[in-house]
Structures are given as structure tokens and as C-alpha cells.
Amino acid sequence: MCFGVCICYACYMLETLKLQVVLVDQNIPTSTLPCAISCFLHLVLNLTLVDLPGMTKVPVGDQPPDIEFQIRDMLMQFVTKENCLILAVSPANSDLANSDALKVAKEVDPQGKYCLI
């Protein structure tokens, strides 16, 4: 797992970019190696943010033909943990009824106790 540490939002963005560059420099079209960034802020709970890839259906470039299933398997490894909060992100210009992120969130957490949408 690639790790970074941050103490503010600007640091978070910088650490995210650094970790992405590490993976891209290795010329890995897809990787099950997550980027995890630990946030330590004064008077705030310590959190580790794991930036998972968006769900995709069509392979691009050097991605394997089964990229959809690889990403879903990776997502499920994280979102099924009982201490996980799910931040389901969908584009503003898409229909939420067709959101893959919301579908996975509802599948894992039907009551919506651990989801931020």
C-alpha cells in the first residue's frame, strides 16, 4: 500500500498526486495497490482515506479486458470492512438511479448507516 501523511486539505491533494505519480511511473495500467493517506488534524478524529478507482466498464489503453471485475473486487475488499465509511461519489450530470457507486453502497450497507452520499 502506498502511504502518505497530511495535516491539511492542500497537503492531502499534494500527497494524492505524489502517490499517483509513483504508480504511473511504474507503468502499471491497473493496480490493486491502494493509495492511502492518513490525516492528522488538531481536534479531529484521525482517519485514513483510501482513494479507490472509479468503476469502469470499458478497458482503455493497456487495461485488461476484465478491468470491470478487477476494480469491483478491489472495491469490495475495502467497503465490506465493518470500520469503513463509504463516500459514494457520482458525477453531477448523471442519473443517480444508474450510479454504480450507490448500487455498491446499498448492496454493502442496505440501511445506509455507514454511507455518505
PDB file of N, CA and C in Angstrom:
ATOM      1  N   MET A   1       0.854  -1.173   0.000  1.00  0.00           N
ATOM      2  CA  MET A   1       0.000   0.000   0.000  1.00  0.00           C
ATOM      3  C   MET A   1       0.896   1.231   0.000  1.00  0.00           C
ATOM      4  N   CYS A   2       0.591   2.180  -0.842  1.00  0.00           N
ATOM      5  CA  CYS A   2       1.303   3.453  -0.839  1.00  0.00           C
ATOM      6  C   CYS A   2       0.717   4.311   0.270  1.00  0.00           C
ATOM      7  N   PHE A   3       1.565   4.920   1.073  1.00  0.00           N
ATOM      8  CA  PHE A   3       1.075   5.735   2.174  1.00  0.00           C
ATOM      9  C   PHE A   3       1.558   7.162   2.057  1.00  0.00           C
ATOM     10  N   GLY A   4       0.739   8.086   2.514  1.00  0.00           N
ATOM     11  CA  GLY A   4       1.108   9.480   2.638  1.00  0.00           C
ATOM     12  C   GLY A   4       0.526   9.997   3.932  1.00  0.00           C
ATOM     13  N   VAL A   5       1.048  11.086   4.424  1.00  0.00           N
ATOM     14  CA  VAL A   5       0.546  11.684   5.654  1.00  0.00           C
ATOM     15  C   VAL A   5       0.255  13.147   5.373  1.00  0.00           C
ATOM     16  N   CYS A   6      -0.875  13.648   5.873  1.00  0.00           N
ATOM     17  CA  CYS A   6      -1.206  15.045   5.635  1.00  0.00           C
ATOM     18  C   CYS A   6      -1.793  15.665   6.887  1.00  0.00           C
ATOM     19  N   ILE A   7      -1.730  16.978   6.938  1.00  0.00           N
ATOM     20  CA  ILE A   7      -2.300  17.697   8.072  1.00  0.00           C
ATOM     21  C   ILE A   7      -3.279  18.776   7.621  1.00  0.00           C
ATOM     22  N   CYS A   8      -3.498  18.922   6.319  1.00  0.00           N
ATOM     23  CA  CYS A   8      -4.481  19.876   5.819  1.00  0.00           C
ATOM     24  C   CYS A   8      -4.939  19.427   4.432  1.00  0.00           C
ATOM     25  N   TYR A   9      -5.971  20.081   3.915  1.00  0.00           N
ATOM     26  CA  TYR A   9      -6.515  19.676   2.617  1.00  0.00           C
ATOM     27  C   TYR A   9      -5.490  19.837   1.497  1.00  0.00           C
ATOM     28  N   ALA A  10      -4.732  20.930   1.513  1.00  0.00           N
ATOM     29  CA  ALA A  10      -3.722  21.155   0.473  1.00  0.00           C
ATOM     30  C   ALA A  10      -2.685  20.037   0.502  1.00  0.00           C
ATOM     31  N   CYS A  11      -2.298  19.627   1.711  1.00  0.00           N
ATOM     32  CA  CYS A  11      -1.347  18.516   1.840  1.00  0.00           C
ATOM     33  C   CYS A  11      -1.966  17.234   1.306  1.00  0.00           C
ATOM     34  N   TYR A  12      -3.253  17.035   1.576  1.00  0.00           N
ATOM     35  CA  TYR A  12      -3.943  15.842   1.082  1.00  0.00           C
ATOM     36  C   TYR A  12      -3.858  15.780  -0.440  1.00  0.00           C
ATOM     37  N   MET A  13      -4.151  16.884  -1.097  1.00  0.00           N
ATOM     38  CA  MET A  13      -4.112  16.909  -2.557  1.00  0.00           C
ATOM     39  C   MET A  13      -2.696  16.636  -3.065  1.00  0.00           C
ATOM     40  N   LEU A  14      -1.702  17.233  -2.426  1.00  0.00           N
ATOM     41  CA  LEU A  14      -0.316  17.032  -2.830  1.00  0.00           C
ATOM     42  C   LEU A  14       0.102  15.574  -2.638  1.00  0.00           C
ATOM     43  N   GLU A  15      -0.234  14.981  -1.514  1.00  0.00           N
ATOM     44  CA  GLU A  15       0.114  13.582  -1.256  1.00  0.00           C
ATOM     45  C   GLU A  15      -0.586  12.655  -2.243  1.00  0.00           C
ATOM     46  N   THR A  16      -1.835  12.948  -2.578  1.00  0.00           N
ATOM     47  CA  THR A  16      -2.568  12.129  -3.547  1.00  0.00           C
ATOM     48  C   THR A  16      -1.856  12.146  -4.892  1.00  0.00           C
ATOM     49  N   LEU A  17      -1.464  13.326  -5.332  1.00  0.00           N
ATOM     50  CA  LEU A  17      -0.759  13.438  -6.608  1.00  0.00           C
ATOM     51  C   LEU A  17       0.568  12.694  -6.576  1.00  0.00           C
ATOM     52  N   LYS A  18       1.305  12.805  -5.484  1.00  0.00           N
ATOM     53  CA  LYS A  18       2.592  12.115  -5.370  1.00  0.00           C
ATOM     54  C   LYS A  18       2.413  10.608  -5.460  1.00  0.00           C
ATOM     55  N   LEU A  19       1.408  10.080  -4.768  1.00  0.00           N
ATOM     56  CA  LEU A  19       1.183   8.637  -4.790  1.00  0.00           C
ATOM     57  C   LEU A  19       0.739   8.163  -6.166  1.00  0.00           C
ATOM     58  N   GLN A  20      -0.062   8.960  -6.848  1.00  0.00           N
ATOM     59  CA  GLN A  20      -0.493   8.590  -8.197  1.00  0.00           C
ATOM     60  C   GLN A  20       0.703   8.572  -9.150  1.00  0.00           C
ATOM     61  N   VAL A  21       1.609   9.523  -9.004  1.00  0.00           N
ATOM     62  CA  VAL A  21       2.797   9.572  -9.858  1.00  0.00           C
ATOM     63  C   VAL A  21       3.663   8.337  -9.631  1.00  0.00           C
ATOM     64  N   VAL A  22       3.780   7.882  -8.383  1.00  0.00           N
ATOM     65  CA  VAL A  22       4.554   6.678  -8.086  1.00  0.00           C
ATOM     66  C   VAL A  22       3.997   5.504  -8.869  1.00  0.00           C
ATOM     67  N   LEU A  23       2.686   5.331  -8.871  1.00  0.00           N
ATOM     68  CA  LEU A  23       2.077   4.213  -9.590  1.00  0.00           C
ATOM     69  C   LEU A  23       2.196   4.373 -11.096  1.00  0.00           C
ATOM     70  N   VAL A  24       2.024   5.593 -11.601  1.00  0.00           N
ATOM     71  CA  VAL A  24       2.105   5.833 -13.042  1.00  0.00           C
ATOM     72  C   VAL A  24       3.529   5.633 -13.531  1.00  0.00           C
ATOM     73  N   ASP A  25       4.521   6.059 -12.740  1.00  0.00           N
ATOM     74  CA  ASP A  25       5.922   5.897 -13.136  1.00  0.00           C
ATOM     75  C   ASP A  25       6.314   4.432 -13.274  1.00  0.00           C
ATOM     76  N   GLN A  26       5.588   3.551 -12.577  1.00  0.00           N
ATOM     77  CA  GLN A  26       5.878   2.124 -12.681  1.00  0.00           C
ATOM     78  C   GLN A  26       5.206   1.511 -13.908  1.00  0.00           C
ATOM     79  N   ASN A  27       4.506   2.333 -14.708  1.00  0.00           N
ATOM     80  CA  ASN A  27       3.831   1.897 -15.930  1.00  0.00           C
ATOM     81  C   ASN A  27       2.866   0.745 -15.667  1.00  0.00           C
ATOM     82  N   ILE A  28       2.091   0.875 -14.592  1.00  0.00           N
ATOM     83  CA  ILE A  28       1.109  -0.136 -14.235  1.00  0.00           C
ATOM     84  C   ILE A  28      -0.253   0.333 -14.738  1.00  0.00           C
ATOM     85  N   PRO A  29      -0.849  -0.373 -15.737  1.00  0.00           N
ATOM     86  CA  PRO A  29      -2.152   0.080 -16.243  1.00  0.00           C
ATOM     87  C   PRO A  29      -3.249  -0.001 -15.190  1.00  0.00           C
ATOM     88  N   THR A  30      -3.235  -1.042 -14.378  1.00  0.00           N
ATOM     89  CA  THR A  30      -4.153  -1.162 -13.239  1.00  0.00           C
ATOM     90  C   THR A  30      -3.373  -1.787 -12.106  1.00  0.00           C
ATOM     91  N   SER A  31      -3.754  -1.455 -10.903  1.00  0.00           N
ATOM     92  CA  SER A  31      -3.050  -1.980  -9.746  1.00  0.00           C
ATOM     93  C   SER A  31      -4.042  -2.183  -8.612  1.00  0.00           C
ATOM     94  N   THR A  32      -3.856  -3.247  -7.857  1.00  0.00           N
ATOM     95  CA  THR A  32      -4.683  -3.454  -6.679  1.00  0.00           C
ATOM     96  C   THR A  32      -4.062  -2.763  -5.472  1.00  0.00           C
ATOM     97  N   LEU A  33      -2.967  -2.049  -5.686  1.00  0.00           N
ATOM     98  CA  LEU A  33      -2.287  -1.319  -4.632  1.00  0.00           C
ATOM     99  C   LEU A  33      -3.027  -0.013  -4.373  1.00  0.00           C
ATOM    100  N   PRO A  34      -3.691   0.118  -3.207  1.00  0.00           N
ATOM    101  CA  PRO A  34      -4.443   1.354  -2.949  1.00  0.00           C
ATOM    102  C   PRO A  34      -3.542   2.497  -2.517  1.00  0.00           C
ATOM    103  N   CYS A  35      -4.012   3.700  -2.743  1.00  0.00           N
ATOM    104  CA  CYS A  35      -3.355   4.894  -2.228  1.00  0.00           C
ATOM    105  C   CYS A  35      -4.073   5.256  -0.932  1.00  0.00           C
ATOM    106  N   ALA A  36      -3.368   5.201   0.178  1.00  0.00           N
ATOM    107  CA  ALA A  36      -3.967   5.517   1.478  1.00  0.00           C
ATOM    108  C   ALA A  36      -3.267   6.731   2.058  1.00  0.00           C
ATOM    109  N   ILE A  37      -4.039   7.686   2.511  1.00  0.00           N
ATOM    110  CA  ILE A  37      -3.485   8.907   3.088  1.00  0.00           C
ATOM    111  C   ILE A  37      -4.063   9.066   4.483  1.00  0.00           C
ATOM    112  N   SER A  38      -3.187   9.144   5.462  1.00  0.00           N
ATOM    113  CA  SER A  38      -3.623   9.320   6.850  1.00  0.00           C
ATOM    114  C   SER A  38      -3.669  10.807   7.175  1.00  0.00           C
ATOM    115  N   CYS A  39      -4.782  11.228   7.745  1.00  0.00           N
ATOM    116  CA  CYS A  39      -4.983  12.639   8.085  1.00  0.00           C
ATOM    117  C   CYS A  39      -4.920  12.812   9.594  1.00  0.00           C
ATOM    118  N   PHE A  40      -4.065  13.704  10.050  1.00  0.00           N
ATOM    119  CA  PHE A  40      -3.936  14.009  11.464  1.00  0.00           C
ATOM    120  C   PHE A  40      -4.159  15.500  11.641  1.00  0.00           C
ATOM    121  N   LEU A  41      -5.308  15.874  12.141  1.00  0.00           N
ATOM    122  CA  LEU A  41      -5.650  17.278  12.348  1.00  0.00           C
ATOM    123  C   LEU A  41      -5.975  17.504  13.814  1.00  0.00           C
ATOM    124  N   HIS A  42      -5.675  18.688  14.293  1.00  0.00           N
ATOM    125  CA  HIS A  42      -5.951  19.044  15.679  1.00  0.00           C
ATOM    126  C   HIS A  42      -7.461  19.039  15.920  1.00  0.00           C
ATOM    127  N   LEU A  43      -7.892  18.401  16.992  1.00  0.00           N
ATOM    128  CA  LEU A  43      -9.294  18.328  17.409  1.00  0.00           C
ATOM    129  C   LEU A  43     -10.206  17.584  16.417  1.00  0.00           C
ATOM    130  N   VAL A  44      -9.635  16.717  15.605  1.00  0.00           N
ATOM    131  CA  VAL A  44     -10.410  15.949  14.632  1.00  0.00           C
ATOM    132  C   VAL A  44      -9.981  14.490  14.743  1.00  0.00           C
ATOM    133  N   LEU A  45     -10.919  13.582  14.560  1.00  0.00           N
ATOM    134  CA  LEU A  45     -10.582  12.158  14.575  1.00  0.00           C
ATOM    135  C   LEU A  45      -9.542  11.849  13.507  1.00  0.00           C
ATOM    136  N   ASN A  46      -8.616  10.955  13.815  1.00  0.00           N
ATOM    137  CA  ASN A  46      -7.642  10.516  12.826  1.00  0.00           C
ATOM    138  C   ASN A  46      -8.328   9.572  11.846  1.00  0.00           C
ATOM    139  N   LEU A  47      -8.093   9.802  10.583  1.00  0.00           N
ATOM    140  CA  LEU A  47      -8.705   8.993   9.530  1.00  0.00           C
ATOM    141  C   LEU A  47      -7.655   8.553   8.534  1.00  0.00           C
ATOM    142  N   THR A  48      -7.897   7.436   7.897  1.00  0.00           N
ATOM    143  CA  THR A  48      -7.102   7.026   6.744  1.00  0.00           C
ATOM    144  C   THR A  48      -8.045   6.997   5.556  1.00  0.00           C
ATOM    145  N   LEU A  49      -7.733   7.805   4.553  1.00  0.00           N
ATOM    146  CA  LEU A  49      -8.552   7.866   3.345  1.00  0.00           C
ATOM    147  C   LEU A  49      -7.937   6.938   2.307  1.00  0.00           C
ATOM    148  N   VAL A  50      -8.743   6.067   1.749  1.00  0.00           N
ATOM    149  CA  VAL A  50      -8.273   5.174   0.702  1.00  0.00           C
ATOM    150  C   VAL A  50      -8.976   5.607  -0.579  1.00  0.00           C
ATOM    151  N   ASP A  51      -8.195   6.119  -1.505  1.00  0.00           N
ATOM    152  CA  ASP A  51      -8.736   6.609  -2.770  1.00  0.00           C
ATOM    153  C   ASP A  51      -8.795   5.437  -3.744  1.00  0.00           C
ATOM    154  N   LEU A  52      -9.996   4.910  -3.948  1.00  0.00           N
ATOM    155  CA  LEU A  52     -10.175   3.773  -4.842  1.00  0.00           C
ATOM    156  C   LEU A  52     -10.538   4.267  -6.240  1.00  0.00           C
ATOM    157  N   PRO A  53     -10.247   3.474  -7.252  1.00  0.00           N
ATOM    158  CA  PRO A  53     -10.569   3.902  -8.620  1.00  0.00           C
ATOM    159  C   PRO A  53     -12.070   3.937  -8.854  1.00  0.00           C
ATOM    160  N   GLY A  54     -12.466   4.739  -9.808  1.00  0.00           N
ATOM    161  CA  GLY A  54     -13.863   4.751 -10.204  1.00  0.00           C
ATOM    162  C   GLY A  54     -14.205   3.458 -10.916  1.00  0.00           C
ATOM    163  N   MET A  55     -15.474   3.108 -10.873  1.00  0.00           N
ATOM    164  CA  MET A  55     -15.910   1.880 -11.529  1.00  0.00           C
ATOM    165  C   MET A  55     -15.972   2.139 -13.031  1.00  0.00           C
ATOM    166  N   THR A  56     -15.377   1.259 -13.781  1.00  0.00           N
ATOM    167  CA  THR A  56     -15.332   1.413 -15.229  1.00  0.00           C
ATOM    168  C   THR A  56     -15.853   0.152 -15.890  1.00  0.00           C
ATOM    169  N   LYS A  57     -16.347   0.277 -17.072  1.00  0.00           N
ATOM    170  CA  LYS A  57     -16.895  -0.872 -17.787  1.00  0.00           C
ATOM    171  C   LYS A  57     -16.095  -1.204 -19.047  1.00  0.00           C
ATOM    172  N   VAL A  58     -15.430  -0.209 -19.618  1.00  0.00           N
ATOM    173  CA  VAL A  58     -14.729  -0.394 -20.880  1.00  0.00           C
ATOM    174  C   VAL A  58     -13.223  -0.222 -20.673  1.00  0.00           C
ATOM    175  N   PRO A  59     -12.415  -1.235 -21.032  1.00  0.00           N
ATOM    176  CA  PRO A  59     -10.963  -1.104 -20.886  1.00  0.00           C
ATOM    177  C   PRO A  59     -10.415  -0.014 -21.798  1.00  0.00           C
ATOM    178  N   VAL A  60      -9.453   0.733 -21.269  1.00  0.00           N
ATOM    179  CA  VAL A  60      -8.817   1.812 -22.027  1.00  0.00           C
ATOM    180  C   VAL A  60      -7.318   1.559 -22.058  1.00  0.00           C
ATOM    181  N   GLY A  61      -6.709   1.741 -23.215  1.00  0.00           N
ATOM    182  CA  GLY A  61      -5.252   1.583 -23.330  1.00  0.00           C
ATOM    183  C   GLY A  61      -4.803   0.176 -22.996  1.00  0.00           C
ATOM    184  N   ASP A  62      -3.867   0.076 -22.053  1.00  0.00           N
ATOM    185  CA  ASP A  62      -3.285  -1.217 -21.669  1.00  0.00           C
ATOM    186  C   ASP A  62      -4.089  -1.960 -20.605  1.00  0.00           C
ATOM    187  N   GLN A  63      -5.273  -1.473 -20.272  1.00  0.00           N
ATOM    188  CA  GLN A  63      -6.058  -2.132 -19.223  1.00  0.00           C
ATOM    189  C   GLN A  63      -6.523  -3.504 -19.703  1.00  0.00           C
ATOM    190  N   PRO A  64      -6.588  -4.458 -18.770  1.00  0.00           N
ATOM    191  CA  PRO A  64      -7.030  -5.808 -19.148  1.00  0.00           C
ATOM    192  C   PRO A  64      -8.519  -5.837 -19.490  1.00  0.00           C
ATOM    193  N   PRO A  65      -8.953  -6.821 -20.263  1.00  0.00           N
ATOM    194  CA  PRO A  65     -10.358  -6.898 -20.664  1.00  0.00           C
ATOM    195  C   PRO A  65     -11.327  -7.057 -19.490  1.00  0.00           C
ATOM    196  N   ASP A  66     -10.854  -7.624 -18.385  1.00  0.00           N
ATOM    197  CA  ASP A  66     -11.728  -7.832 -17.226  1.00  0.00           C
ATOM    198  C   ASP A  66     -11.575  -6.727 -16.178  1.00  0.00           C
ATOM    199  N   ILE A  67     -11.239  -5.527 -16.606  1.00  0.00           N
ATOM    200  CA  ILE A  67     -10.996  -4.412 -15.689  1.00  0.00           C
ATOM    201  C   ILE A  67     -12.201  -4.140 -14.786  1.00  0.00           C
ATOM    202  N   GLU A  68     -13.403  -4.280 -15.318  1.00  0.00           N
ATOM    203  CA  GLU A  68     -14.614  -4.036 -14.525  1.00  0.00           C
ATOM    204  C   GLU A  68     -14.648  -4.947 -13.293  1.00  0.00           C
ATOM    205  N   PHE A  69     -14.311  -6.215 -13.479  1.00  0.00           N
ATOM    206  CA  PHE A  69     -14.362  -7.177 -12.380  1.00  0.00           C
ATOM    207  C   PHE A  69     -13.196  -6.992 -11.412  1.00  0.00           C
ATOM    208  N   GLN A  70     -12.014  -6.626 -11.950  1.00  0.00           N
ATOM    209  CA  GLN A  70     -10.861  -6.370 -11.081  1.00  0.00           C
ATOM    210  C   GLN A  70     -11.136  -5.199 -10.143  1.00  0.00           C
ATOM    211  N   ILE A  71     -11.699  -4.122 -10.684  1.00  0.00           N
ATOM    212  CA  ILE A  71     -11.984  -2.946  -9.865  1.00  0.00           C
ATOM    213  C   ILE A  71     -13.077  -3.257  -8.850  1.00  0.00           C
ATOM    214  N   ARG A  72     -14.114  -3.959  -9.263  1.00  0.00           N
ATOM    215  CA  ARG A  72     -15.186  -4.307  -8.320  1.00  0.00           C
ATOM    216  C   ARG A  72     -14.653  -5.173  -7.177  1.00  0.00           C
ATOM    217  N   ASP A  73     -13.800  -6.153  -7.500  1.00  0.00           N
ATOM    218  CA  ASP A  73     -13.213  -6.995  -6.450  1.00  0.00           C
ATOM    219  C   ASP A  73     -12.389  -6.162  -5.479  1.00  0.00           C
ATOM    220  N   MET A  74     -11.607  -5.214  -6.013  1.00  0.00           N
ATOM    221  CA  MET A  74     -10.800  -4.353  -5.158  1.00  0.00           C
ATOM    222  C   MET A  74     -11.685  -3.481  -4.268  1.00  0.00           C
ATOM    223  N   LEU A  75     -12.738  -2.906  -4.841  1.00  0.00           N
ATOM    224  CA  LEU A  75     -13.656  -2.076  -4.067  1.00  0.00           C
ATOM    225  C   LEU A  75     -14.283  -2.872  -2.928  1.00  0.00           C
ATOM    226  N   MET A  76     -14.710  -4.081  -3.226  1.00  0.00           N
ATOM    227  CA  MET A  76     -15.389  -4.898  -2.220  1.00  0.00           C
ATOM    228  C   MET A  76     -14.461  -5.270  -1.067  1.00  0.00           C
ATOM    229  N   GLN A  77     -13.150  -5.392  -1.332  1.00  0.00           N
ATOM    230  CA  GLN A  77     -12.195  -5.681  -0.263  1.00  0.00           C
ATOM    231  C   GLN A  77     -12.220  -4.588   0.806  1.00  0.00           C
ATOM    232  N   PHE A  78     -12.478  -3.354   0.396  1.00  0.00           N
ATOM    233  CA  PHE A  78     -12.447  -2.235   1.330  1.00  0.00           C
ATOM    234  C   PHE A  78     -13.823  -1.905   1.902  1.00  0.00           C
ATOM    235  N   VAL A  79     -14.832  -1.828   1.060  1.00  0.00           N
ATOM    236  CA  VAL A  79     -16.142  -1.358   1.530  1.00  0.00           C
ATOM    237  C   VAL A  79     -16.886  -2.376   2.387  1.00  0.00           C
ATOM    238  N   THR A  80     -16.442  -3.608   2.400  1.00  0.00           N
ATOM    239  CA  THR A  80     -17.100  -4.610   3.238  1.00  0.00           C
ATOM    240  C   THR A  80     -16.528  -4.656   4.657  1.00  0.00           C
ATOM    241  N   LYS A  81     -15.468  -3.901   4.931  1.00  0.00           N
ATOM    242  CA  LYS A  81     -14.905  -3.860   6.284  1.00  0.00           C
ATOM    243  C   LYS A  81     -15.871  -3.119   7.199  1.00  0.00           C
ATOM    244  N   GLU A  82     -16.029  -3.624   8.424  1.00  0.00           N
ATOM    245  CA  GLU A  82     -17.028  -3.042   9.317  1.00  0.00           C
ATOM    246  C   GLU A  82     -16.639  -1.664   9.853  1.00  0.00           C
ATOM    247  N   ASN A  83     -15.381  -1.279   9.765  1.00  0.00           N
ATOM    248  CA  ASN A  83     -14.985   0.049  10.238  1.00  0.00           C
ATOM    249  C   ASN A  83     -14.829   1.044   9.083  1.00  0.00           C
ATOM    250  N   CYS A  84     -15.462   0.745   7.968  1.00  0.00           N
ATOM    251  CA  CYS A  84     -15.354   1.574   6.761  1.00  0.00           C
ATOM    252  C   CYS A  84     -16.543   2.523   6.637  1.00  0.00           C
ATOM    253  N   LEU A  85     -16.250   3.779   6.342  1.00  0.00           N
ATOM    254  CA  LEU A  85     -17.287   4.731   5.933  1.00  0.00           C
ATOM    255  C   LEU A  85     -17.203   4.839   4.424  1.00  0.00           C
ATOM    256  N   ILE A  86     -18.311   4.720   3.757  1.00  0.00           N
ATOM    257  CA  ILE A  86     -18.329   4.751   2.295  1.00  0.00           C
ATOM    258  C   ILE A  86     -18.736   6.134   1.822  1.00  0.00           C
ATOM    259  N   LEU A  87     -17.900   6.750   1.021  1.00  0.00           N
ATOM    260  CA  LEU A  87     -18.230   8.022   0.380  1.00  0.00           C
ATOM    261  C   LEU A  87     -18.543   7.692  -1.075  1.00  0.00           C
ATOM    262  N   ALA A  88     -19.815   7.577  -1.389  1.00  0.00           N
ATOM    263  CA  ALA A  88     -20.246   7.216  -2.746  1.00  0.00           C
ATOM    264  C   ALA A  88     -20.317   8.488  -3.589  1.00  0.00           C
ATOM    265  N   VAL A  89     -19.447   8.582  -4.577  1.00  0.00           N
ATOM    266  CA  VAL A  89     -19.351   9.777  -5.411  1.00  0.00           C
ATOM    267  C   VAL A  89     -19.879   9.463  -6.807  1.00  0.00           C
ATOM    268  N   SER A  90     -20.746  10.323  -7.295  1.00  0.00           N
ATOM    269  CA  SER A  90     -21.289  10.190  -8.650  1.00  0.00           C
ATOM    270  C   SER A  90     -21.204  11.541  -9.343  1.00  0.00           C
ATOM    271  N   PRO A  91     -21.003  11.541 -10.659  1.00  0.00           N
ATOM    272  CA  PRO A  91     -20.961  12.810 -11.384  1.00  0.00           C
ATOM    273  C   PRO A  91     -22.299  13.556 -11.268  1.00  0.00           C
ATOM    274  N   ALA A  92     -22.233  14.857 -11.193  1.00  0.00           N
ATOM    275  CA  ALA A  92     -23.447  15.673 -11.048  1.00  0.00           C
ATOM    276  C   ALA A  92     -24.326  15.616 -12.293  1.00  0.00           C
ATOM    277  N   ASN A  93     -23.740  15.291 -13.433  1.00  0.00           N
ATOM    278  CA  ASN A  93     -24.517  15.281 -14.668  1.00  0.00           C
ATOM    279  C   ASN A  93     -25.038  13.886 -15.025  1.00  0.00           C
ATOM    280  N   SER A  94     -25.021  12.969 -14.045  1.00  0.00           N
ATOM    281  CA  SER A  94     -25.541  11.630 -14.331  1.00  0.00           C
ATOM    282  C   SER A  94     -26.763  11.335 -13.456  1.00  0.00           C
ATOM    283  N   ASP A  95     -27.538  10.381 -13.887  1.00  0.00           N
ATOM    284  CA  ASP A  95     -28.742   9.977 -13.183  1.00  0.00           C
ATOM    285  C   ASP A  95     -28.356   9.115 -11.989  1.00  0.00           C
ATOM    286  N   LEU A  96     -28.693   9.541 -10.771  1.00  0.00           N
ATOM    287  CA  LEU A  96     -28.319   8.793  -9.574  1.00  0.00           C
ATOM    288  C   LEU A  96     -28.929   7.393  -9.541  1.00  0.00           C
ATOM    289  N   ALA A  97     -30.029   7.208 -10.222  1.00  0.00           N
ATOM    290  CA  ALA A  97     -30.660   5.886 -10.266  1.00  0.00           C
ATOM    291  C   ALA A  97     -29.765   4.864 -10.973  1.00  0.00           C
ATOM    292  N   ASN A  98     -28.831   5.348 -11.797  1.00  0.00           N
ATOM    293  CA  ASN A  98     -27.922   4.464 -12.531  1.00  0.00           C
ATOM    294  C   ASN A  98     -26.505   4.472 -11.962  1.00  0.00           C
ATOM    295  N   SER A  99     -26.313   5.009 -10.765  1.00  0.00           N
ATOM    296  CA  SER A  99     -24.983   5.149 -10.180  1.00  0.00           C
ATOM    297  C   SER A  99     -24.436   3.812  -9.681  1.00  0.00           C
ATOM    298  N   ASP A 100     -23.295   3.400 -10.229  1.00  0.00           N
ATOM    299  CA  ASP A 100     -22.642   2.175  -9.773  1.00  0.00           C
ATOM    300  C   ASP A 100     -22.171   2.315  -8.328  1.00  0.00           C
ATOM    301  N   ALA A 101     -21.701   3.506  -7.953  1.00  0.00           N
ATOM    302  CA  ALA A 101     -21.222   3.737  -6.585  1.00  0.00           C
ATOM    303  C   ALA A 101     -22.362   3.554  -5.586  1.00  0.00           C
ATOM    304  N   LEU A 102     -23.526   4.102  -5.886  1.00  0.00           N
ATOM    305  CA  LEU A 102     -24.672   3.959  -4.988  1.00  0.00           C
ATOM    306  C   LEU A 102     -25.167   2.518  -4.941  1.00  0.00           C
ATOM    307  N   LYS A 103     -25.087   1.826  -6.064  1.00  0.00           N
ATOM    308  CA  LYS A 103     -25.510   0.422  -6.103  1.00  0.00           C
ATOM    309  C   LYS A 103     -24.643  -0.414  -5.168  1.00  0.00           C
ATOM    310  N   VAL A 104     -23.331  -0.232  -5.221  1.00  0.00           N
ATOM    311  CA  VAL A 104     -22.416  -0.971  -4.343  1.00  0.00           C
ATOM    312  C   VAL A 104     -22.655  -0.578  -2.891  1.00  0.00           C
ATOM    313  N   ALA A 105     -22.829   0.729  -2.626  1.00  0.00           N
ATOM    314  CA  ALA A 105     -23.056   1.191  -1.257  1.00  0.00           C
ATOM    315  C   ALA A 105     -24.324   0.561  -0.673  1.00  0.00           C
ATOM    316  N   LYS A 106     -25.391   0.510  -1.449  1.00  0.00           N
ATOM    317  CA  LYS A 106     -26.642  -0.088  -0.967  1.00  0.00           C
ATOM    318  C   LYS A 106     -26.514  -1.601  -0.798  1.00  0.00           C
ATOM    319  N   GLU A 107     -25.721  -2.218  -1.640  1.00  0.00           N
ATOM    320  CA  GLU A 107     -25.501  -3.663  -1.542  1.00  0.00           C
ATOM    321  C   GLU A 107     -24.761  -4.013  -0.241  1.00  0.00           C
ATOM    322  N   VAL A 108     -23.762  -3.214   0.095  1.00  0.00           N
ATOM    323  CA  VAL A 108     -22.936  -3.474   1.277  1.00  0.00           C
ATOM    324  C   VAL A 108     -23.599  -2.965   2.552  1.00  0.00           C
ATOM    325  N   ASP A 109     -24.279  -1.825   2.461  1.00  0.00           N
ATOM    326  CA  ASP A 109     -24.887  -1.184   3.631  1.00  0.00           C
ATOM    327  C   ASP A 109     -26.337  -0.822   3.318  1.00  0.00           C
ATOM    328  N   PRO A 110     -27.253  -1.810   3.341  1.00  0.00           N
ATOM    329  CA  PRO A 110     -28.647  -1.570   2.942  1.00  0.00           C
ATOM    330  C   PRO A 110     -29.368  -0.501   3.761  1.00  0.00           C
ATOM    331  N   GLN A 111     -29.035  -0.351   5.057  1.00  0.00           N
ATOM    332  CA  GLN A 111     -29.697   0.659   5.882  1.00  0.00           C
ATOM    333  C   GLN A 111     -29.066   2.048   5.732  1.00  0.00           C
ATOM    334  N   GLY A 112     -27.929   2.137   5.078  1.00  0.00           N
ATOM    335  CA  GLY A 112     -27.286   3.437   4.885  1.00  0.00           C
ATOM    336  C   GLY A 112     -26.656   4.012   6.141  1.00  0.00           C
ATOM    337  N   LYS A 113     -26.240   3.165   7.083  1.00  0.00           N
ATOM    338  CA  LYS A 113     -25.642   3.631   8.325  1.00  0.00           C
ATOM    339  C   LYS A 113     -24.211   4.118   8.155  1.00  0.00           C
ATOM    340  N   TYR A 114     -23.503   3.598   7.165  1.00  0.00           N
ATOM    341  CA  TYR A 114     -22.088   3.896   7.008  1.00  0.00           C
ATOM    342  C   TYR A 114     -21.768   4.549   5.675  1.00  0.00           C
ATOM    343  N   CYS A 115     -22.753   5.186   5.079  1.00  0.00           N
ATOM    344  CA  CYS A 115     -22.565   5.796   3.770  1.00  0.00           C
ATOM    345  C   CYS A 115     -22.735   7.309   3.819  1.00  0.00           C
ATOM    346  N   LEU A 116     -21.881   7.995   3.079  1.00  0.00           N
ATOM    347  CA  LEU A 116     -22.014   9.437   2.849  1.00  0.00           C
ATOM    348  C   LEU A 116     -22.267   9.591   1.365  1.00  0.00           C
ATOM    349  N   ILE A 117     -23.403  10.144   1.025  1.00  0.00           N
ATOM    350  CA  ILE A 117     -23.764  10.236  -0.390  1.00  0.00           C
ATOM    351  C   ILE A 117     -23.899  11.692  -0.791  1.00  0.00           C
TER     352      ILE A 117
END
